[in-house]
Amino acid sequence: MSDAVTVHPYPWPPTPIRTERLVLRGPEARDRAPYIELLASPEVGTYVGGPRSRDELERAMPEVPSRRPGSFVVDLDGTMIGTITLGRGTGHIRQADGRAELGYLFLPEAWGHGYAAEACAAALDWFADALPGEPVVLATQTANLRSMRLASKLGFVEVERFEDYGAEQWFGVRPPRPGRD
């Protein structure tokens, strides 16, 4: 029995996506410890509701973390440095409900090297081929200046700002690639 599911019209997980420096692939058992490190990091948790308890994560994290359609591990030289999710909004903010939403988290040691821009651009290109003509949305806190710059660099355009989770949020849309619908 295959672990692949269909994200119309492509099976999941896709063939690993290779960029100049990175590989985007499905999660594997070897990613469990880096996932825990990522989600327990106070720096990473700053704009996403705070870090989670390492003990809680150790108990709750499955052997192969986050094996669901749209969840990529960002791999640098064989080591997970971050994650990208591209999936339907699931109610954490009403603006994203039912829409394709981009999310990303990277370990602090990976910050400032352009890895997030490189990996997100590759994931968005994959998505544009998998579901042509579909826009992608993104939400981030306005206080997260790095994320705001990345959203702009990736072609997201501000639609609105709103208050949620005790902070001002920025909501943007990345229109479909021209000539691809």
N, C-alpha and C. Protein backbone atom coordinates (compact mmCIF):
# COMPACT_ATOMS: atom_id res chain seq x y z
N MET A 1 0.84 -1.18 0.00
CA MET A 1 0.00 0.00 0.00
C MET A 1 0.89 1.24 0.00
N SER A 2 0.58 2.20 -0.83
CA SER A 2 1.37 3.42 -0.97
C SER A 2 0.94 4.48 0.03
N ASP A 3 1.89 5.31 0.46
CA ASP A 3 1.58 6.45 1.33
C ASP A 3 1.16 7.65 0.51
N ALA A 4 1.20 7.55 -0.81
CA ALA A 4 0.90 8.69 -1.68
C ALA A 4 -0.60 8.98 -1.65
N VAL A 5 -0.94 10.24 -1.65
CA VAL A 5 -2.31 10.70 -1.81
C VAL A 5 -2.31 11.64 -2.98
N THR A 6 -3.47 12.03 -3.44
CA THR A 6 -3.52 12.90 -4.61
C THR A 6 -3.82 14.33 -4.22
N VAL A 7 -2.98 15.23 -4.66
CA VAL A 7 -3.22 16.67 -4.59
C VAL A 7 -3.41 17.04 -6.06
N HIS A 8 -4.63 17.13 -6.47
CA HIS A 8 -5.00 17.22 -7.89
C HIS A 8 -4.03 18.08 -8.67
N PRO A 9 -3.50 17.61 -9.76
CA PRO A 9 -3.59 16.25 -10.29
C PRO A 9 -2.36 15.41 -9.97
N TYR A 10 -1.57 15.80 -9.00
CA TYR A 10 -0.30 15.13 -8.72
C TYR A 10 -0.36 14.27 -7.47
N PRO A 11 0.36 13.13 -7.47
CA PRO A 11 0.43 12.32 -6.24
C PRO A 11 1.26 13.05 -5.19
N TRP A 12 0.99 12.74 -3.94
CA TRP A 12 1.75 13.32 -2.84
C TRP A 12 2.45 12.20 -2.10
N PRO A 13 3.68 12.33 -1.67
CA PRO A 13 4.51 13.51 -1.91
C PRO A 13 5.06 13.51 -3.33
N PRO A 14 5.34 14.71 -3.84
CA PRO A 14 5.89 14.79 -5.20
C PRO A 14 7.35 14.34 -5.19
N THR A 15 7.88 14.17 -6.37
CA THR A 15 9.32 13.94 -6.50
C THR A 15 10.00 15.10 -5.79
N PRO A 16 11.07 14.85 -5.04
CA PRO A 16 11.72 15.98 -4.36
C PRO A 16 12.02 17.13 -5.33
N ILE A 17 11.82 18.32 -4.84
CA ILE A 17 12.06 19.54 -5.62
C ILE A 17 13.46 20.03 -5.27
N ARG A 18 14.28 20.20 -6.27
CA ARG A 18 15.66 20.63 -6.05
C ARG A 18 15.84 22.07 -6.52
N THR A 19 16.48 22.86 -5.68
CA THR A 19 16.85 24.22 -6.03
C THR A 19 18.38 24.24 -6.10
N GLU A 20 18.94 25.42 -6.24
CA GLU A 20 20.40 25.53 -6.30
C GLU A 20 21.07 24.94 -5.05
N ARG A 21 20.47 25.19 -3.86
CA ARG A 21 21.10 24.76 -2.62
C ARG A 21 20.27 23.79 -1.78
N LEU A 22 18.99 23.66 -2.08
CA LEU A 22 18.07 22.97 -1.19
C LEU A 22 17.32 21.83 -1.88
N VAL A 23 16.73 20.98 -1.06
CA VAL A 23 15.80 19.96 -1.53
C VAL A 23 14.53 20.10 -0.70
N LEU A 24 13.38 20.15 -1.38
CA LEU A 24 12.09 20.13 -0.71
C LEU A 24 11.55 18.72 -0.89
N ARG A 25 11.25 18.06 0.21
CA ARG A 25 10.84 16.66 0.18
C ARG A 25 9.81 16.41 1.25
N GLY A 26 9.23 15.23 1.20
CA GLY A 26 8.30 14.82 2.24
C GLY A 26 9.06 14.52 3.52
N PRO A 27 8.38 14.64 4.67
CA PRO A 27 9.02 14.33 5.97
C PRO A 27 9.41 12.86 6.08
N GLU A 28 10.46 12.61 6.84
CA GLU A 28 10.96 11.27 7.10
C GLU A 28 11.24 11.13 8.60
N ALA A 29 11.45 9.91 9.06
CA ALA A 29 11.70 9.67 10.49
C ALA A 29 12.89 10.48 11.00
N ARG A 30 13.92 10.68 10.17
CA ARG A 30 15.11 11.42 10.60
C ARG A 30 14.82 12.89 10.90
N ASP A 31 13.63 13.37 10.51
CA ASP A 31 13.27 14.77 10.72
C ASP A 31 12.60 15.03 12.08
N ARG A 32 12.32 13.97 12.83
CA ARG A 32 11.60 14.14 14.10
C ARG A 32 12.32 15.09 15.05
N ALA A 33 13.59 14.86 15.30
CA ALA A 33 14.34 15.72 16.24
C ALA A 33 14.40 17.18 15.75
N PRO A 34 14.70 17.45 14.46
CA PRO A 34 14.69 18.84 14.01
C PRO A 34 13.29 19.49 14.09
N TYR A 35 12.22 18.71 13.84
CA TYR A 35 10.87 19.25 13.99
C TYR A 35 10.64 19.70 15.43
N ILE A 36 11.04 18.86 16.38
CA ILE A 36 10.88 19.21 17.79
C ILE A 36 11.68 20.46 18.11
N GLU A 37 12.92 20.52 17.65
CA GLU A 37 13.76 21.70 17.87
C GLU A 37 13.10 22.96 17.29
N LEU A 38 12.55 22.84 16.09
CA LEU A 38 11.89 23.95 15.42
C LEU A 38 10.70 24.47 16.23
N LEU A 39 9.82 23.56 16.62
CA LEU A 39 8.59 23.95 17.30
C LEU A 39 8.82 24.37 18.76
N ALA A 40 9.94 23.94 19.35
CA ALA A 40 10.27 24.33 20.73
C ALA A 40 11.12 25.59 20.80
N SER A 41 11.57 26.10 19.68
CA SER A 41 12.46 27.26 19.65
C SER A 41 11.74 28.55 20.04
N PRO A 42 12.25 29.25 21.07
CA PRO A 42 11.65 30.53 21.44
C PRO A 42 11.72 31.56 20.30
N GLU A 43 12.81 31.55 19.53
CA GLU A 43 12.94 32.50 18.41
C GLU A 43 11.90 32.22 17.34
N VAL A 44 11.74 30.95 16.98
CA VAL A 44 10.76 30.57 15.96
C VAL A 44 9.35 30.88 16.45
N GLY A 45 9.09 30.65 17.73
CA GLY A 45 7.75 30.85 18.28
C GLY A 45 7.34 32.28 18.50
N THR A 46 8.25 33.23 18.34
CA THR A 46 7.96 34.63 18.62
C THR A 46 6.69 35.13 17.95
N TYR A 47 6.46 34.82 16.70
CA TYR A 47 5.32 35.35 15.95
C TYR A 47 4.24 34.31 15.65
N VAL A 48 4.37 33.13 16.25
CA VAL A 48 3.38 32.08 15.99
C VAL A 48 2.82 31.50 17.29
N GLY A 49 2.63 32.35 18.27
CA GLY A 49 2.00 31.90 19.50
C GLY A 49 2.93 31.36 20.56
N GLY A 50 4.23 31.50 20.36
CA GLY A 50 5.20 31.06 21.35
C GLY A 50 5.67 29.64 21.11
N PRO A 51 6.78 29.28 21.76
CA PRO A 51 7.31 27.92 21.60
C PRO A 51 6.41 26.91 22.30
N ARG A 52 6.47 25.68 21.82
CA ARG A 52 5.76 24.59 22.48
C ARG A 52 6.72 23.88 23.41
N SER A 53 6.19 23.23 24.41
CA SER A 53 6.99 22.49 25.38
C SER A 53 7.69 21.32 24.71
N ARG A 54 9.00 21.23 24.93
CA ARG A 54 9.79 20.13 24.35
C ARG A 54 9.25 18.78 24.84
N ASP A 55 8.88 18.70 26.13
CA ASP A 55 8.33 17.45 26.68
C ASP A 55 7.03 17.08 25.97
N GLU A 56 6.15 18.07 25.78
CA GLU A 56 4.88 17.83 25.08
C GLU A 56 5.14 17.35 23.66
N LEU A 57 6.07 18.01 22.98
CA LEU A 57 6.40 17.62 21.61
C LEU A 57 6.98 16.21 21.54
N GLU A 58 7.85 15.86 22.48
CA GLU A 58 8.44 14.51 22.51
C GLU A 58 7.35 13.45 22.64
N ARG A 59 6.33 13.73 23.45
CA ARG A 59 5.24 12.78 23.64
C ARG A 59 4.31 12.72 22.42
N ALA A 60 4.04 13.88 21.81
CA ALA A 60 3.01 13.97 20.78
C ALA A 60 3.51 13.76 19.35
N MET A 61 4.77 14.02 19.11
CA MET A 61 5.30 13.97 17.74
C MET A 61 5.37 12.52 17.25
N PRO A 62 4.72 12.22 16.11
CA PRO A 62 4.83 10.87 15.57
C PRO A 62 6.24 10.59 15.06
N GLU A 63 6.50 9.33 14.80
CA GLU A 63 7.83 8.93 14.31
C GLU A 63 8.20 9.67 13.04
N VAL A 64 7.23 9.80 12.13
CA VAL A 64 7.43 10.59 10.91
C VAL A 64 6.52 11.80 11.03
N PRO A 65 7.11 12.97 11.30
CA PRO A 65 6.30 14.17 11.55
C PRO A 65 5.58 14.69 10.31
N SER A 66 4.41 15.22 10.52
CA SER A 66 3.68 16.02 9.53
C SER A 66 3.59 15.41 8.14
N ARG A 67 3.20 14.15 8.07
CA ARG A 67 3.04 13.50 6.76
C ARG A 67 1.66 13.80 6.22
N ARG A 68 1.50 14.97 5.65
CA ARG A 68 0.22 15.32 5.05
C ARG A 68 0.47 16.09 3.76
N PRO A 69 -0.49 16.02 2.84
CA PRO A 69 -0.29 16.73 1.57
C PRO A 69 0.02 18.21 1.79
N GLY A 70 1.01 18.69 1.07
CA GLY A 70 1.38 20.09 1.14
C GLY A 70 2.44 20.40 2.17
N SER A 71 2.93 19.42 2.90
CA SER A 71 3.95 19.66 3.93
C SER A 71 5.31 19.21 3.41
N PHE A 72 6.19 20.19 3.21
CA PHE A 72 7.54 19.92 2.73
C PHE A 72 8.55 20.11 3.85
N VAL A 73 9.57 19.28 3.85
CA VAL A 73 10.76 19.52 4.65
C VAL A 73 11.73 20.26 3.75
N VAL A 74 12.39 21.28 4.28
CA VAL A 74 13.44 21.98 3.55
C VAL A 74 14.76 21.40 4.04
N ASP A 75 15.49 20.81 3.13
CA ASP A 75 16.69 20.05 3.44
C ASP A 75 17.91 20.76 2.85
N LEU A 76 18.90 20.97 3.68
CA LEU A 76 20.19 21.54 3.25
C LEU A 76 21.26 20.51 3.56
N ASP A 77 21.91 20.01 2.54
CA ASP A 77 22.99 19.03 2.72
C ASP A 77 22.59 17.86 3.60
N GLY A 78 21.35 17.35 3.41
CA GLY A 78 20.90 16.17 4.15
C GLY A 78 20.30 16.44 5.51
N THR A 79 20.17 17.72 5.89
CA THR A 79 19.64 18.07 7.20
C THR A 79 18.45 19.01 7.07
N MET A 80 17.38 18.73 7.82
CA MET A 80 16.22 19.59 7.81
C MET A 80 16.56 20.94 8.45
N ILE A 81 16.24 22.04 7.72
CA ILE A 81 16.46 23.38 8.26
C ILE A 81 15.14 24.15 8.41
N GLY A 82 14.05 23.56 7.87
CA GLY A 82 12.77 24.25 7.97
C GLY A 82 11.66 23.44 7.34
N THR A 83 10.47 24.03 7.37
CA THR A 83 9.30 23.40 6.76
C THR A 83 8.51 24.43 5.98
N ILE A 84 7.82 23.94 4.98
CA ILE A 84 6.89 24.77 4.20
C ILE A 84 5.60 23.99 4.11
N THR A 85 4.49 24.68 4.30
CA THR A 85 3.20 24.06 4.08
C THR A 85 2.45 24.86 3.02
N LEU A 86 1.82 24.14 2.13
CA LEU A 86 0.97 24.73 1.11
C LEU A 86 -0.31 23.90 1.13
N GLY A 87 -1.32 24.43 1.76
CA GLY A 87 -2.56 23.67 1.87
C GLY A 87 -3.75 24.59 2.04
N ARG A 88 -4.91 24.00 2.10
CA ARG A 88 -6.14 24.76 2.28
C ARG A 88 -6.17 25.34 3.68
N GLY A 89 -6.54 26.63 3.77
CA GLY A 89 -6.71 27.26 5.08
C GLY A 89 -7.70 26.46 5.90
N THR A 90 -7.38 26.28 7.17
CA THR A 90 -8.17 25.39 8.02
C THR A 90 -8.84 26.11 9.18
N GLY A 91 -9.08 27.39 9.06
CA GLY A 91 -9.82 28.08 10.10
C GLY A 91 -9.00 28.82 11.12
N HIS A 92 -7.66 28.77 11.06
CA HIS A 92 -6.90 29.53 12.05
C HIS A 92 -7.08 31.03 11.83
N ILE A 93 -7.35 31.44 10.59
CA ILE A 93 -7.82 32.80 10.32
C ILE A 93 -8.90 32.70 9.25
N ARG A 94 -9.95 33.44 9.43
CA ARG A 94 -11.11 33.32 8.53
C ARG A 94 -10.79 33.69 7.10
N GLN A 95 -9.86 34.61 6.87
CA GLN A 95 -9.53 35.06 5.52
C GLN A 95 -8.95 33.94 4.66
N ALA A 96 -8.33 32.94 5.29
CA ALA A 96 -7.69 31.87 4.53
C ALA A 96 -8.59 30.65 4.36
N ASP A 97 -9.73 30.61 5.01
CA ASP A 97 -10.60 29.43 4.95
C ASP A 97 -10.81 28.94 3.52
N GLY A 98 -10.44 27.69 3.29
CA GLY A 98 -10.68 27.06 2.00
C GLY A 98 -9.77 27.50 0.88
N ARG A 99 -8.85 28.42 1.15
CA ARG A 99 -7.95 28.92 0.12
C ARG A 99 -6.57 28.29 0.29
N ALA A 100 -5.81 28.26 -0.79
CA ALA A 100 -4.45 27.75 -0.72
C ALA A 100 -3.62 28.75 0.09
N GLU A 101 -2.99 28.26 1.16
CA GLU A 101 -2.24 29.13 2.07
C GLU A 101 -0.80 28.64 2.22
N LEU A 102 0.13 29.58 2.14
CA LEU A 102 1.56 29.28 2.32
C LEU A 102 1.93 29.55 3.77
N GLY A 103 2.65 28.60 4.36
CA GLY A 103 3.22 28.78 5.69
C GLY A 103 4.65 28.28 5.68
N TYR A 104 5.49 28.83 6.55
CA TYR A 104 6.89 28.40 6.60
C TYR A 104 7.46 28.67 7.97
N LEU A 105 8.36 27.80 8.40
CA LEU A 105 9.12 27.95 9.63
C LEU A 105 10.53 27.45 9.35
N PHE A 106 11.52 28.21 9.82
CA PHE A 106 12.91 27.81 9.63
C PHE A 106 13.65 27.91 10.96
N LEU A 107 14.59 27.01 11.16
CA LEU A 107 15.43 27.07 12.36
C LEU A 107 16.22 28.38 12.35
N PRO A 108 16.44 28.98 13.52
CA PRO A 108 17.15 30.28 13.57
C PRO A 108 18.51 30.27 12.88
N GLU A 109 19.24 29.17 12.93
CA GLU A 109 20.55 29.14 12.27
C GLU A 109 20.45 29.21 10.76
N ALA A 110 19.25 29.02 10.21
CA ALA A 110 19.04 29.10 8.76
C ALA A 110 18.60 30.50 8.33
N TRP A 111 18.32 31.37 9.28
CA TRP A 111 17.85 32.72 8.95
C TRP A 111 18.97 33.55 8.34
N GLY A 112 18.60 34.43 7.43
CA GLY A 112 19.54 35.39 6.87
C GLY A 112 20.38 34.87 5.72
N HIS A 113 20.09 33.69 5.20
CA HIS A 113 20.87 33.11 4.10
C HIS A 113 20.08 33.00 2.80
N GLY A 114 18.84 33.47 2.80
CA GLY A 114 18.00 33.40 1.61
C GLY A 114 17.34 32.04 1.38
N TYR A 115 17.48 31.13 2.35
CA TYR A 115 16.89 29.80 2.18
C TYR A 115 15.37 29.85 2.11
N ALA A 116 14.74 30.67 2.94
CA ALA A 116 13.27 30.74 2.95
C ALA A 116 12.77 31.23 1.59
N ALA A 117 13.39 32.27 1.04
CA ALA A 117 12.96 32.78 -0.26
C ALA A 117 13.14 31.72 -1.35
N GLU A 118 14.27 31.04 -1.34
CA GLU A 118 14.57 30.02 -2.34
C GLU A 118 13.58 28.85 -2.24
N ALA A 119 13.34 28.39 -1.02
CA ALA A 119 12.46 27.24 -0.82
C ALA A 119 11.00 27.59 -1.10
N CYS A 120 10.54 28.74 -0.62
CA CYS A 120 9.14 29.14 -0.85
C CYS A 120 8.88 29.38 -2.33
N ALA A 121 9.82 30.00 -3.03
CA ALA A 121 9.64 30.21 -4.48
C ALA A 121 9.51 28.88 -5.21
N ALA A 122 10.33 27.89 -4.82
CA ALA A 122 10.25 26.57 -5.46
C ALA A 122 8.91 25.90 -5.15
N ALA A 123 8.45 26.00 -3.92
CA ALA A 123 7.16 25.40 -3.55
C ALA A 123 6.01 26.08 -4.28
N LEU A 124 6.08 27.40 -4.41
CA LEU A 124 5.04 28.13 -5.13
C LEU A 124 5.04 27.78 -6.62
N ASP A 125 6.22 27.60 -7.20
CA ASP A 125 6.30 27.16 -8.61
C ASP A 125 5.67 25.79 -8.77
N TRP A 126 5.98 24.86 -7.84
CA TRP A 126 5.38 23.53 -7.88
C TRP A 126 3.85 23.65 -7.81
N PHE A 127 3.36 24.48 -6.89
CA PHE A 127 1.92 24.64 -6.71
C PHE A 127 1.27 25.22 -7.97
N ALA A 128 1.93 26.19 -8.59
CA ALA A 128 1.39 26.81 -9.80
C ALA A 128 1.26 25.78 -10.92
N ASP A 129 2.16 24.81 -10.97
CA ASP A 129 2.06 23.75 -11.97
C ASP A 129 0.98 22.72 -11.57
N ALA A 130 0.88 22.43 -10.26
CA ALA A 130 -0.08 21.44 -9.77
C ALA A 130 -1.51 21.95 -9.87
N LEU A 131 -1.72 23.21 -9.54
CA LEU A 131 -3.06 23.81 -9.55
C LEU A 131 -3.01 25.15 -10.26
N PRO A 132 -2.86 25.14 -11.58
CA PRO A 132 -2.74 26.39 -12.33
C PRO A 132 -3.96 27.28 -12.15
N GLY A 133 -3.70 28.57 -12.09
CA GLY A 133 -4.78 29.54 -11.99
C GLY A 133 -5.28 29.79 -10.59
N GLU A 134 -4.72 29.10 -9.60
CA GLU A 134 -5.20 29.28 -8.23
C GLU A 134 -4.28 30.23 -7.46
N PRO A 135 -4.86 31.28 -6.87
CA PRO A 135 -4.03 32.19 -6.06
C PRO A 135 -3.64 31.52 -4.74
N VAL A 136 -2.64 32.07 -4.09
CA VAL A 136 -2.16 31.59 -2.79
C VAL A 136 -2.22 32.76 -1.82
N VAL A 137 -2.62 32.48 -0.57
CA VAL A 137 -2.69 33.52 0.46
C VAL A 137 -1.63 33.28 1.52
N LEU A 138 -1.34 34.32 2.27
CA LEU A 138 -0.34 34.25 3.33
C LEU A 138 -0.74 35.25 4.40
N ALA A 139 -0.59 34.87 5.66
CA ALA A 139 -0.83 35.79 6.78
C ALA A 139 0.40 35.78 7.67
N THR A 140 0.75 36.95 8.18
CA THR A 140 1.87 37.07 9.11
C THR A 140 1.64 38.28 9.99
N GLN A 141 2.27 38.29 11.13
CA GLN A 141 2.19 39.48 11.99
C GLN A 141 2.98 40.62 11.34
N THR A 142 2.43 41.82 11.43
CA THR A 142 3.15 42.98 10.87
C THR A 142 4.46 43.22 11.60
N ALA A 143 4.56 42.77 12.84
CA ALA A 143 5.81 42.94 13.59
C ALA A 143 6.91 42.01 13.07
N ASN A 144 6.56 40.99 12.32
CA ASN A 144 7.54 40.06 11.78
C ASN A 144 8.09 40.63 10.47
N LEU A 145 9.04 41.52 10.59
CA LEU A 145 9.56 42.25 9.43
C LEU A 145 10.20 41.32 8.40
N ARG A 146 10.89 40.28 8.85
CA ARG A 146 11.50 39.33 7.91
C ARG A 146 10.43 38.67 7.05
N SER A 147 9.34 38.25 7.69
CA SER A 147 8.26 37.59 6.96
C SER A 147 7.56 38.56 6.02
N MET A 148 7.42 39.81 6.44
CA MET A 148 6.80 40.83 5.58
C MET A 148 7.66 41.04 4.32
N ARG A 149 8.99 41.11 4.49
CA ARG A 149 9.88 41.28 3.34
C ARG A 149 9.81 40.07 2.41
N LEU A 150 9.78 38.87 3.00
CA LEU A 150 9.70 37.66 2.19
C LEU A 150 8.40 37.63 1.40
N ALA A 151 7.29 37.97 2.03
CA ALA A 151 5.99 37.98 1.33
C ALA A 151 6.05 38.90 0.11
N SER A 152 6.62 40.07 0.29
CA SER A 152 6.75 41.02 -0.82
C SER A 152 7.65 40.46 -1.93
N LYS A 153 8.77 39.88 -1.54
CA LYS A 153 9.71 39.31 -2.50
C LYS A 153 9.07 38.18 -3.31
N LEU A 154 8.16 37.43 -2.67
CA LEU A 154 7.50 36.30 -3.33
C LEU A 154 6.30 36.73 -4.17
N GLY A 155 5.98 38.03 -4.16
CA GLY A 155 4.89 38.52 -5.00
C GLY A 155 3.53 38.61 -4.33
N PHE A 156 3.48 38.50 -3.01
CA PHE A 156 2.21 38.66 -2.30
C PHE A 156 1.87 40.15 -2.20
N VAL A 157 0.60 40.45 -2.38
CA VAL A 157 0.10 41.82 -2.33
C VAL A 157 -0.87 41.94 -1.16
N GLU A 158 -0.70 42.99 -0.38
CA GLU A 158 -1.55 43.18 0.80
C GLU A 158 -3.01 43.35 0.41
N VAL A 159 -3.88 42.61 1.12
CA VAL A 159 -5.32 42.71 0.94
C VAL A 159 -5.93 43.42 2.14
N GLU A 160 -5.46 43.07 3.33
CA GLU A 160 -5.98 43.72 4.53
C GLU A 160 -5.06 43.49 5.71
N ARG A 161 -5.30 44.28 6.74
CA ARG A 161 -4.68 44.09 8.05
C ARG A 161 -5.80 43.92 9.05
N PHE A 162 -5.55 43.13 10.05
CA PHE A 162 -6.57 42.88 11.06
C PHE A 162 -5.90 42.49 12.37
N GLU A 163 -6.65 42.53 13.42
CA GLU A 163 -6.15 42.18 14.75
C GLU A 163 -6.56 40.73 15.04
N ASP A 164 -5.60 39.91 15.42
CA ASP A 164 -5.88 38.53 15.79
C ASP A 164 -4.71 38.03 16.62
N TYR A 165 -4.96 37.07 17.48
CA TYR A 165 -3.92 36.52 18.34
C TYR A 165 -3.18 37.62 19.13
N GLY A 166 -3.89 38.71 19.44
CA GLY A 166 -3.32 39.78 20.24
C GLY A 166 -2.31 40.65 19.50
N ALA A 167 -2.32 40.60 18.16
CA ALA A 167 -1.35 41.39 17.39
C ALA A 167 -1.94 41.75 16.03
N GLU A 168 -1.38 42.81 15.42
CA GLU A 168 -1.80 43.17 14.07
C GLU A 168 -1.26 42.14 13.08
N GLN A 169 -2.15 41.66 12.20
CA GLN A 169 -1.81 40.67 11.19
C GLN A 169 -1.88 41.30 9.81
N TRP A 170 -1.05 40.81 8.93
CA TRP A 170 -1.02 41.22 7.53
C TRP A 170 -1.51 40.04 6.71
N PHE A 171 -2.42 40.28 5.78
CA PHE A 171 -2.96 39.23 4.93
C PHE A 171 -2.75 39.63 3.48
N GLY A 172 -2.11 38.75 2.72
CA GLY A 172 -1.81 39.04 1.32
C GLY A 172 -2.19 37.90 0.41
N VAL A 173 -2.28 38.22 -0.88
CA VAL A 173 -2.60 37.25 -1.91
C VAL A 173 -1.52 37.31 -2.98
N ARG A 174 -1.13 36.14 -3.45
CA ARG A 174 -0.22 36.04 -4.59
C ARG A 174 -1.07 35.57 -5.76
N PRO A 175 -1.28 36.46 -6.73
CA PRO A 175 -2.13 36.10 -7.87
C PRO A 175 -1.52 34.93 -8.63
N PRO A 176 -2.35 34.22 -9.41
CA PRO A 176 -1.81 33.13 -10.24
C PRO A 176 -0.77 33.67 -11.20
N ARG A 177 0.15 32.82 -11.58
CA ARG A 177 1.18 33.19 -12.56
C ARG A 177 0.51 33.54 -13.89
N PRO A 178 0.88 34.67 -14.50
CA PRO A 178 0.29 35.04 -15.79
C PRO A 178 0.54 33.95 -16.85
N GLY A 179 -0.48 33.75 -17.67
CA GLY A 179 -0.35 32.82 -18.77
C GLY A 179 -0.41 31.37 -18.37
N ARG A 180 -0.74 31.08 -17.10
CA ARG A 180 -0.76 29.70 -16.63
C ARG A 180 -2.17 29.20 -16.38
N ASP A 181 -3.21 30.07 -16.45
CA ASP A 181 -4.53 29.57 -16.10
C ASP A 181 -5.19 28.85 -17.22
